[in-house]
Protein backbone atom coordinates (compact mmCIF):
# COMPACT_ATOMS: atom_id res chain seq x y z
CA MET A 1 -29.61 12.98 -34.07
CA LYS A 2 -30.60 10.10 -31.81
CA ILE A 3 -30.15 6.32 -32.07
CA ASP A 4 -32.09 3.87 -29.91
CA GLY A 5 -31.05 0.26 -29.46
CA LYS A 6 -29.26 -2.33 -27.37
CA ILE A 7 -25.56 -2.14 -26.55
CA LYS A 8 -23.83 -4.99 -28.38
CA LEU A 9 -20.15 -4.20 -27.70
CA ILE A 10 -18.08 -1.79 -25.59
CA ASN A 11 -14.37 -1.43 -26.41
CA ASP A 12 -11.60 -0.08 -24.19
CA THR A 13 -10.46 3.52 -24.51
CA GLN A 14 -7.74 4.03 -27.15
CA SER A 15 -5.13 6.81 -27.27
CA PHE A 16 -3.67 8.21 -30.50
CA GLY A 17 -0.76 10.50 -31.38
CA SER A 18 1.51 12.60 -29.24
CA ASN A 19 -1.33 14.89 -28.14
CA GLY A 20 -3.12 11.99 -26.38
CA PHE A 21 -6.37 12.06 -28.35
CA GLN A 22 -8.70 9.45 -26.84
CA LYS A 23 -11.73 7.64 -28.18
CA ARG A 24 -13.87 4.75 -27.02
CA GLU A 25 -15.93 2.83 -29.54
CA PHE A 26 -19.13 0.91 -28.87
CA VAL A 27 -21.80 -0.76 -30.98
CA VAL A 28 -25.54 -0.27 -30.66
CA ALA A 29 -27.88 -2.71 -32.42
CA THR A 30 -31.09 -1.02 -33.48
CA GLU A 31 -34.32 -2.87 -32.77
CA GLU A 32 -36.26 -2.62 -35.99
CA GLN A 33 -37.32 -5.12 -38.63
CA TYR A 34 -33.84 -5.14 -40.17
CA SER A 35 -31.58 -4.48 -37.19
CA GLN A 36 -28.46 -2.38 -37.85
CA ASP A 37 -25.22 -2.60 -35.86
CA ILE A 38 -24.06 1.02 -35.54
CA LEU A 39 -20.46 1.81 -34.52
CA LEU A 40 -20.40 4.92 -32.31
CA GLU A 41 -17.62 6.61 -30.36
CA PHE A 42 -17.08 8.92 -27.41
CA HIS A 43 -14.07 11.28 -27.43
CA GLN A 44 -11.70 12.60 -24.76
CA ASP A 45 -13.23 13.08 -21.28
CA LYS A 46 -16.56 11.55 -22.38
CA CYS A 47 -14.95 8.08 -22.81
CA SER A 48 -15.57 7.29 -19.13
CA ILE A 49 -19.34 7.74 -19.57
CA LEU A 50 -19.49 4.14 -20.85
CA ASP A 51 -18.14 2.80 -17.53
CA LYS A 52 -21.72 2.87 -16.17
CA TYR A 53 -23.11 0.76 -19.03
CA LYS A 54 -22.91 -2.88 -20.01
CA VAL A 55 -23.66 -5.08 -23.00
CA GLY A 56 -27.36 -5.85 -23.36
CA GLN A 57 -28.72 -2.57 -21.98
CA ASN A 58 -31.29 -0.61 -23.99
CA VAL A 59 -30.07 2.94 -24.58
CA ALA A 60 -30.77 6.16 -26.45
CA VAL A 61 -27.61 7.78 -27.80
CA SER A 62 -27.41 11.39 -29.00
CA ILE A 63 -24.82 11.79 -31.75
CA ASN A 64 -23.20 14.22 -34.16
CA ILE A 65 -22.05 13.13 -37.61
CA ARG A 66 -18.46 14.19 -38.31
CA GLY A 67 -16.55 14.05 -41.59
CA LYS A 68 -12.87 14.49 -42.33
CA GLU A 69 -10.68 14.79 -45.40
CA TRP A 70 -7.26 13.09 -45.33
CA THR A 71 -4.49 12.95 -47.92
CA ASN A 72 -2.41 9.77 -47.79
CA PRO A 73 1.36 9.70 -48.50
CA GLN A 74 0.66 8.87 -52.18
CA GLY A 75 -1.33 12.10 -52.53
CA GLU A 76 -4.77 10.44 -52.71
CA VAL A 77 -7.56 12.26 -50.93
CA LYS A 78 -9.82 10.10 -48.78
CA TYR A 79 -12.89 10.96 -46.72
CA PHE A 80 -13.94 9.46 -43.40
CA ASN A 81 -17.14 9.72 -41.39
CA SER A 82 -17.66 9.08 -37.70
CA LEU A 83 -20.67 9.05 -35.42
CA VAL A 84 -19.60 10.87 -32.28
CA ALA A 85 -21.79 10.36 -29.22
CA TRP A 86 -22.23 13.17 -26.74
CA ARG A 87 -24.94 11.71 -24.49
CA ILE A 88 -26.27 8.25 -23.61
CA GLU A 89 -29.34 7.38 -21.55
CA LYS A 90 -30.71 4.08 -20.29
CA LEU A 91 -34.10 3.13 -21.69
CA GLU A 92 -36.70 0.98 -20.03
CA GLY A 93 -36.65 -2.04 -22.33
CA SER A 94 -39.31 -4.63 -22.82
CA THR A 95 -39.05 -5.51 -19.12
CA GLN A 96 -41.88 -3.16 -18.26
CA ALA A 97 -45.05 -4.86 -17.06
CA ALA A 98 -47.87 -4.93 -19.56
CA PRO A 99 -50.96 -2.98 -18.58
CA PRO A 100 -53.75 -5.12 -17.14
CA PRO A 101 -56.36 -6.27 -19.67
CA PHE A 102 -59.48 -4.16 -19.96
CA GLU A 103 -62.42 -5.58 -18.07
CA PRO A 104 -65.83 -3.94 -18.46
CA ALA A 105 -67.52 -2.86 -15.26
CA ASP A 106 -70.66 -4.69 -14.15
CA GLY A 107 -73.72 -3.34 -15.86
CA ASP A 108 -71.85 -2.04 -18.93
CA MET A 109 -72.79 -5.01 -21.10
CA PRO A 110 -76.43 -5.89 -21.83
CA GLN A 111 -77.59 -9.28 -20.58
CA GLU A 112 -78.66 -11.87 -23.15
CA ASP A 113 -82.28 -11.72 -22.10
CA GLU A 114 -82.30 -7.94 -22.06
CA ASN A 115 -84.13 -6.29 -24.91
CA SER A 116 -81.71 -4.07 -26.75
CA ASP A 117 -81.89 -2.20 -29.96
CA LEU A 118 -78.65 -3.70 -31.26
CA PRO A 119 -79.17 -5.60 -34.57
CA PHE A 120 -77.22 -8.67 -33.42
């Protein structure tokens, strides 16, 4: 799955547990009629990928959706979802130059005094 948008936030890398699991969260704001702020994360050695990016850049992020079941100390089962990024690419935003306006070549348009078979 792929999400396109503008980077809104980049957090520092966090470490968890005795095994040193690492993750780095970031937020991408989609650019659609009703923009969505999507929390994404890189894991382990991919956390450093975000070092090359900054807030405000337009990106395309490839993700996997992950789900996990967890039982709390009271015995209640809870479910969690995460959007794990595995690739990010810079996009050319709206800074691209617009194409020049179309201008008809000389002789393409009939002159006013020219007799044409157009009804107007």
